[in-house]
Amino acid sequence: MKLPTLFKQNKNKSFSYTPRYYNPRKERLELLVKKQEAADLPLTGMVSRASGRRSFRADWRAQKNQTESKNRRTRLFFIFVFLILFFLALVKTGVLNWVV
């Protein structure tokens, strides 16, 4: 049995919200399929990842190798620039007299 109180207890508000998922890639693909069907063209080449995980992994590895290669070139460039500037600073201060 509940005891009477002077203060009113508010209950939690409930909402009837149903979340919806929006996938722009799927929408774009469906739009392309509809265009192909409307033009009565065969559906060839619509999905580039039809072969599944294997092509995804290969694409990912290729992208990773390309990024690593770019990072290596950038790092090497900055090392060379630093060494040249360091060498020029040593020459200018007179530490290396044999060069000039």
Protein backbone atom coordinates (compact mmCIF):
# COMPACT_ATOMS: atom_id res chain seq x y z
CA MET A 1 0.00 0.00 0.00
CA LYS A 2 1.29 3.40 -1.04
CA LEU A 3 1.42 6.31 1.35
CA PRO A 4 -0.08 9.61 0.19
CA THR A 5 2.39 12.46 -0.56
CA LEU A 6 2.10 16.20 -1.00
CA PHE A 7 4.27 16.26 -4.11
CA LYS A 8 3.20 14.85 -7.43
CA GLN A 9 5.62 12.29 -8.91
CA ASN A 10 6.18 12.89 -12.62
CA LYS A 11 6.33 9.85 -14.86
CA ASN A 12 8.81 9.51 -17.70
CA LYS A 13 7.53 10.67 -21.03
CA SER A 14 7.46 8.06 -23.73
CA PHE A 15 7.73 8.80 -27.43
CA SER A 16 6.69 6.70 -30.36
CA TYR A 17 9.88 7.25 -32.36
CA THR A 18 11.02 4.60 -34.81
CA PRO A 19 14.56 5.21 -36.07
CA ARG A 20 15.16 4.96 -39.78
CA TYR A 21 18.40 4.02 -41.47
CA TYR A 22 19.55 5.94 -44.53
CA ASN A 23 22.22 4.47 -46.75
CA PRO A 24 23.24 6.93 -49.50
CA ARG A 25 25.26 4.30 -51.38
CA LYS A 26 22.28 1.95 -51.51
CA GLU A 27 20.00 4.78 -52.65
CA ARG A 28 22.44 5.73 -55.42
CA LEU A 29 22.75 2.09 -56.52
CA GLU A 30 18.98 1.65 -56.62
CA LEU A 31 18.66 4.83 -58.67
CA LEU A 32 21.25 3.55 -61.16
CA VAL A 33 19.49 0.19 -61.40
CA LYS A 34 16.18 1.94 -62.11
CA LYS A 35 17.83 4.04 -64.83
CA GLN A 36 19.33 0.92 -66.38
CA GLU A 37 15.99 -0.88 -66.30
CA ALA A 38 14.22 2.13 -67.79
CA ALA A 39 16.73 2.24 -70.63
CA ASP A 40 16.41 -1.55 -71.12
CA LEU A 41 20.17 -1.98 -70.82
CA PRO A 42 21.81 -5.01 -69.20
CA LEU A 43 22.92 -4.60 -65.60
CA THR A 44 26.62 -5.16 -66.23
CA GLY A 45 29.29 -3.42 -64.23
CA MET A 46 26.88 -1.97 -61.70
CA VAL A 47 28.47 -3.46 -58.60
CA SER A 48 32.25 -3.32 -58.56
CA ARG A 49 32.64 -5.44 -55.44
CA ALA A 50 30.59 -8.39 -56.61
CA SER A 51 33.41 -10.83 -55.93
CA GLY A 52 33.21 -10.07 -52.22
CA ARG A 53 35.96 -10.04 -49.63
CA ARG A 54 38.80 -10.93 -51.94
CA SER A 55 38.50 -7.79 -54.05
CA PHE A 56 37.92 -5.65 -50.98
CA ARG A 57 41.13 -6.95 -49.40
CA ALA A 58 43.08 -6.48 -52.61
CA ASP A 59 41.82 -2.92 -53.00
CA TRP A 60 42.60 -2.18 -49.38
CA ARG A 61 46.13 -3.55 -49.67
CA ALA A 62 46.77 -1.59 -52.85
CA GLN A 63 45.53 1.60 -51.20
CA LYS A 64 47.64 0.91 -48.11
CA ASN A 65 50.78 0.29 -50.19
CA GLN A 66 50.19 3.46 -52.16
CA THR A 67 49.76 5.50 -48.96
CA GLU A 68 52.87 3.96 -47.37
CA SER A 69 54.88 4.71 -50.51
CA LYS A 70 53.75 8.32 -50.47
CA ASN A 71 54.62 8.61 -46.78
CA ARG A 72 58.09 7.18 -47.41
CA ARG A 73 58.77 9.65 -50.21
CA THR A 74 57.61 12.57 -48.07
CA ARG A 75 59.74 11.47 -45.12
CA LEU A 76 62.80 11.01 -47.36
CA PHE A 77 62.29 14.46 -48.87
CA PHE A 78 62.16 16.12 -45.44
CA ILE A 79 65.25 14.23 -44.28
CA PHE A 80 67.21 15.42 -47.31
CA VAL A 81 66.04 19.00 -46.85
CA PHE A 82 67.01 18.88 -43.16
CA LEU A 83 70.45 17.46 -43.95
CA ILE A 84 71.11 20.10 -46.61
CA LEU A 85 70.03 22.90 -44.26
CA PHE A 86 72.15 21.44 -41.46
CA PHE A 87 75.15 21.16 -43.76
CA LEU A 88 74.71 24.75 -44.97
CA ALA A 89 74.44 25.97 -41.36
CA LEU A 90 77.70 24.19 -40.48
CA VAL A 91 79.45 25.72 -43.49
CA LYS A 92 78.14 29.20 -42.70
CA THR A 93 79.22 29.05 -39.04
CA GLY A 94 82.72 28.01 -40.08
CA VAL A 95 82.71 24.56 -38.50
CA LEU A 96 83.43 23.01 -41.89
CA ASN A 97 86.25 25.04 -43.43
CA TRP A 98 87.39 22.36 -45.83
CA VAL A 99 84.26 22.67 -48.01
CA VAL A 100 84.68 26.32 -49.03
